Amino acid sequence: AVTDRAWRDGGVVLVDGEAVALRVDHGPGGAVVCVGDARLAVSGVVPMDLRPLVERWLRTRARVELPPALLALADRHGLTVTRVSVRNQQSRWGACARRGSITLNWRLLQVPPRVREYVLLHELMHLRELNHSSRFWRLVAAVCPDYQESRRWLRTEGHALF
């Protein structure tokens, strides 16, 4: 199941909101861990728990993909972000600091793209309103009309990713 703490050969993991199979292929050039269509080379012995290897791949992908996506949305909405970082928060999807710095959780690479975009927009709207007041939620609704659907997904499905 997707909620297993250990990720093993034959199991599944969420990537972009889709449950993708984890498979270990042994070939003449060594072992490869397949995460859906992605192929991750393994040096040495393949560990029973593939989580560290797959997490490293997801974190790298998050550092490459999330900051430009956030900055593009910021630009589209006329907002200035001073710094973007991708971290391993244990309970938050993102955070916005008063000075314009936004932190995003690498696990956003696991959620559906529409949910990811909601989180990015949510954090960006904190640049206009640094709280969760009704004014803040009106700002979110204006840029992400179906935000409640994404919030529901995070509440019902997202906890399993932590």
Protein backbone atom coordinates (compact mmCIF):
# COMPACT_ATOMS: atom_id res chain seq x y z
CA ALA A 1 0.00 0.00 0.00
CA VAL A 2 1.02 3.62 -0.52
CA THR A 3 0.99 4.18 3.25
CA ASP A 4 3.65 1.55 4.04
CA ARG A 5 6.63 3.14 5.78
CA ALA A 6 9.04 0.93 3.84
CA TRP A 7 9.00 1.15 0.08
CA ARG A 8 9.79 -2.27 -1.35
CA ASP A 9 10.15 -3.98 -4.71
CA GLY A 10 6.61 -4.57 -5.99
CA GLY A 11 5.14 -1.80 -3.85
CA VAL A 12 3.72 1.53 -4.93
CA VAL A 13 4.53 5.15 -4.17
CA LEU A 14 2.71 8.36 -5.06
CA VAL A 15 4.35 10.52 -7.72
CA ASP A 16 2.37 13.50 -9.03
CA GLY A 17 -0.71 12.08 -7.33
CA GLU A 18 -0.51 8.75 -9.14
CA ALA A 19 0.31 5.44 -7.47
CA VAL A 20 3.33 4.16 -9.42
CA ALA A 21 4.96 0.78 -9.12
CA LEU A 22 8.39 0.27 -7.58
CA ARG A 23 10.36 -2.42 -9.36
CA VAL A 24 13.96 -3.58 -9.08
CA ASP A 25 15.52 -4.76 -12.35
CA HIS A 26 18.81 -6.65 -12.25
CA GLY A 27 20.78 -6.45 -15.47
CA PRO A 28 24.33 -6.88 -16.72
CA GLY A 29 25.13 -3.24 -15.88
CA GLY A 30 23.86 -3.57 -12.31
CA ALA A 31 20.56 -2.98 -10.58
CA VAL A 32 18.05 -0.30 -11.48
CA VAL A 33 15.10 0.80 -9.38
CA CYS A 34 12.15 1.71 -11.58
CA VAL A 35 9.71 4.26 -10.18
CA GLY A 36 7.04 4.26 -12.85
CA ASP A 37 8.94 5.38 -15.97
CA ALA A 38 11.95 6.74 -14.04
CA ARG A 39 15.02 4.53 -13.75
CA LEU A 40 17.36 5.03 -10.79
CA ALA A 41 20.75 3.32 -10.93
CA VAL A 42 21.82 1.51 -7.77
CA SER A 43 25.47 1.15 -6.88
CA GLY A 44 26.18 -1.92 -4.80
CA VAL A 45 23.57 -4.05 -3.10
CA VAL A 46 19.92 -3.07 -3.54
CA PRO A 47 18.47 -2.28 -0.11
CA MET A 48 15.24 -3.98 0.97
CA ASP A 49 13.76 -0.57 1.80
CA LEU A 50 13.88 1.57 -1.35
CA ARG A 51 12.57 4.67 0.48
CA PRO A 52 15.94 6.42 0.96
CA LEU A 53 16.86 6.02 -2.71
CA VAL A 54 13.44 7.06 -4.02
CA GLU A 55 13.17 9.93 -1.54
CA ARG A 56 16.57 11.25 -2.66
CA TRP A 57 15.33 11.21 -6.27
CA LEU A 58 12.06 12.96 -5.32
CA ARG A 59 13.92 15.59 -3.24
CA THR A 60 16.29 16.32 -6.12
CA ARG A 61 13.38 16.61 -8.51
CA ALA A 62 11.58 18.90 -6.02
CA ARG A 63 14.62 21.22 -5.76
CA VAL A 64 14.71 21.46 -9.56
CA GLU A 65 10.97 21.80 -10.26
CA LEU A 66 9.30 23.56 -7.33
CA PRO A 67 11.22 26.88 -7.16
CA PRO A 68 10.71 27.76 -10.86
CA ALA A 69 7.03 26.77 -10.63
CA LEU A 70 6.56 29.01 -7.58
CA LEU A 71 8.43 31.92 -9.17
CA ALA A 72 6.40 31.62 -12.38
CA LEU A 73 3.16 31.79 -10.39
CA ALA A 74 4.54 34.72 -8.37
CA ASP A 75 5.36 36.56 -11.60
CA ARG A 76 1.91 35.84 -13.02
CA HIS A 77 0.33 37.39 -9.91
CA GLY A 78 2.73 40.33 -9.61
CA LEU A 79 4.35 39.06 -6.41
CA THR A 80 7.98 39.13 -5.32
CA VAL A 81 9.53 36.13 -3.58
CA THR A 82 12.89 36.84 -1.94
CA ARG A 83 13.93 33.21 -1.50
CA VAL A 84 12.57 29.72 -2.17
CA SER A 85 13.79 26.66 -0.32
CA VAL A 86 12.71 23.04 -0.44
CA ARG A 87 12.85 21.19 2.86
CA ASN A 88 11.77 18.07 4.68
CA GLN A 89 9.08 19.48 6.94
CA GLN A 90 7.37 16.80 8.99
CA SER A 91 3.89 18.29 9.08
CA ARG A 92 3.67 21.35 6.79
CA TRP A 93 3.33 21.64 3.04
CA GLY A 94 4.82 25.10 2.94
CA ALA A 95 5.55 28.26 4.87
CA CYS A 96 5.85 31.94 4.06
CA ALA A 97 7.97 34.34 6.11
CA ARG A 98 7.23 38.02 6.54
CA ARG A 99 10.23 39.02 4.40
CA GLY A 100 9.05 37.09 1.35
CA SER A 101 10.88 33.80 1.81
CA ILE A 102 8.85 30.68 1.00
CA THR A 103 9.68 27.15 2.08
CA LEU A 104 8.12 24.19 0.31
CA ASN A 105 7.98 20.53 1.29
CA TRP A 106 9.61 18.11 -1.16
CA ARG A 107 6.56 15.84 -0.72
CA LEU A 108 4.64 18.24 -2.97
CA LEU A 109 6.11 16.13 -5.80
CA GLN A 110 3.89 13.31 -4.57
CA VAL A 111 0.56 15.17 -4.61
CA PRO A 112 -1.61 15.73 -7.69
CA PRO A 113 -0.47 18.74 -9.76
CA ARG A 114 -3.67 20.73 -9.01
CA VAL A 115 -3.10 20.24 -5.26
CA ARG A 116 0.56 21.26 -5.63
CA GLU A 117 -0.48 24.44 -7.45
CA TYR A 118 -2.98 25.21 -4.67
CA VAL A 119 -0.21 24.95 -2.03
CA LEU A 120 2.07 27.22 -4.07
CA LEU A 121 -0.73 29.78 -4.52
CA HIS A 122 -1.66 29.50 -0.84
CA GLU A 123 1.89 30.39 0.20
CA LEU A 124 2.06 33.19 -2.37
CA MET A 125 -1.16 34.74 -1.06
CA HIS A 126 0.54 34.97 2.33
CA LEU A 127 2.74 37.62 0.73
CA ARG A 128 -0.43 39.74 0.60
CA GLU A 129 -2.02 38.56 3.86
CA LEU A 130 0.22 36.83 6.41
CA ASN A 131 -2.55 35.01 8.29
CA HIS A 132 -5.54 32.77 7.65
CA SER A 133 -8.22 35.45 7.95
CA SER A 134 -11.34 35.56 5.78
CA ARG A 135 -9.53 38.19 3.67
CA PHE A 136 -6.70 35.67 3.08
CA TRP A 137 -9.14 32.93 2.00
CA ARG A 138 -10.84 35.36 -0.40
CA LEU A 139 -7.42 36.00 -1.99
CA VAL A 140 -6.86 32.24 -2.31
CA ALA A 141 -10.34 31.72 -3.80
CA ALA A 142 -9.69 34.46 -6.37
CA VAL A 143 -6.55 32.75 -7.71
CA CYS A 144 -7.58 29.13 -7.08
CA PRO A 145 -11.39 28.81 -7.28
CA ASP A 146 -11.42 25.05 -6.53
CA TYR A 147 -9.01 25.35 -3.58
CA GLN A 148 -11.42 23.60 -1.19
CA GLU A 149 -11.14 20.42 -3.24
CA SER A 150 -7.34 20.54 -2.90
CA ARG A 151 -7.54 21.24 0.84
CA ARG A 152 -9.83 18.23 1.19
CA TRP A 153 -7.30 16.03 -0.67
CA LEU A 154 -4.51 17.19 1.65
CA ARG A 155 -6.64 16.44 4.73
CA THR A 156 -7.79 13.01 3.57
CA GLU A 157 -4.79 11.73 1.59
CA GLY A 158 -1.85 13.96 2.46
CA HIS A 159 -1.26 12.74 6.01
CA ALA A 160 -0.15 9.36 4.62
CA LEU A 161 2.85 11.04 2.95
CA PHE A 162 4.40 12.16 6.25
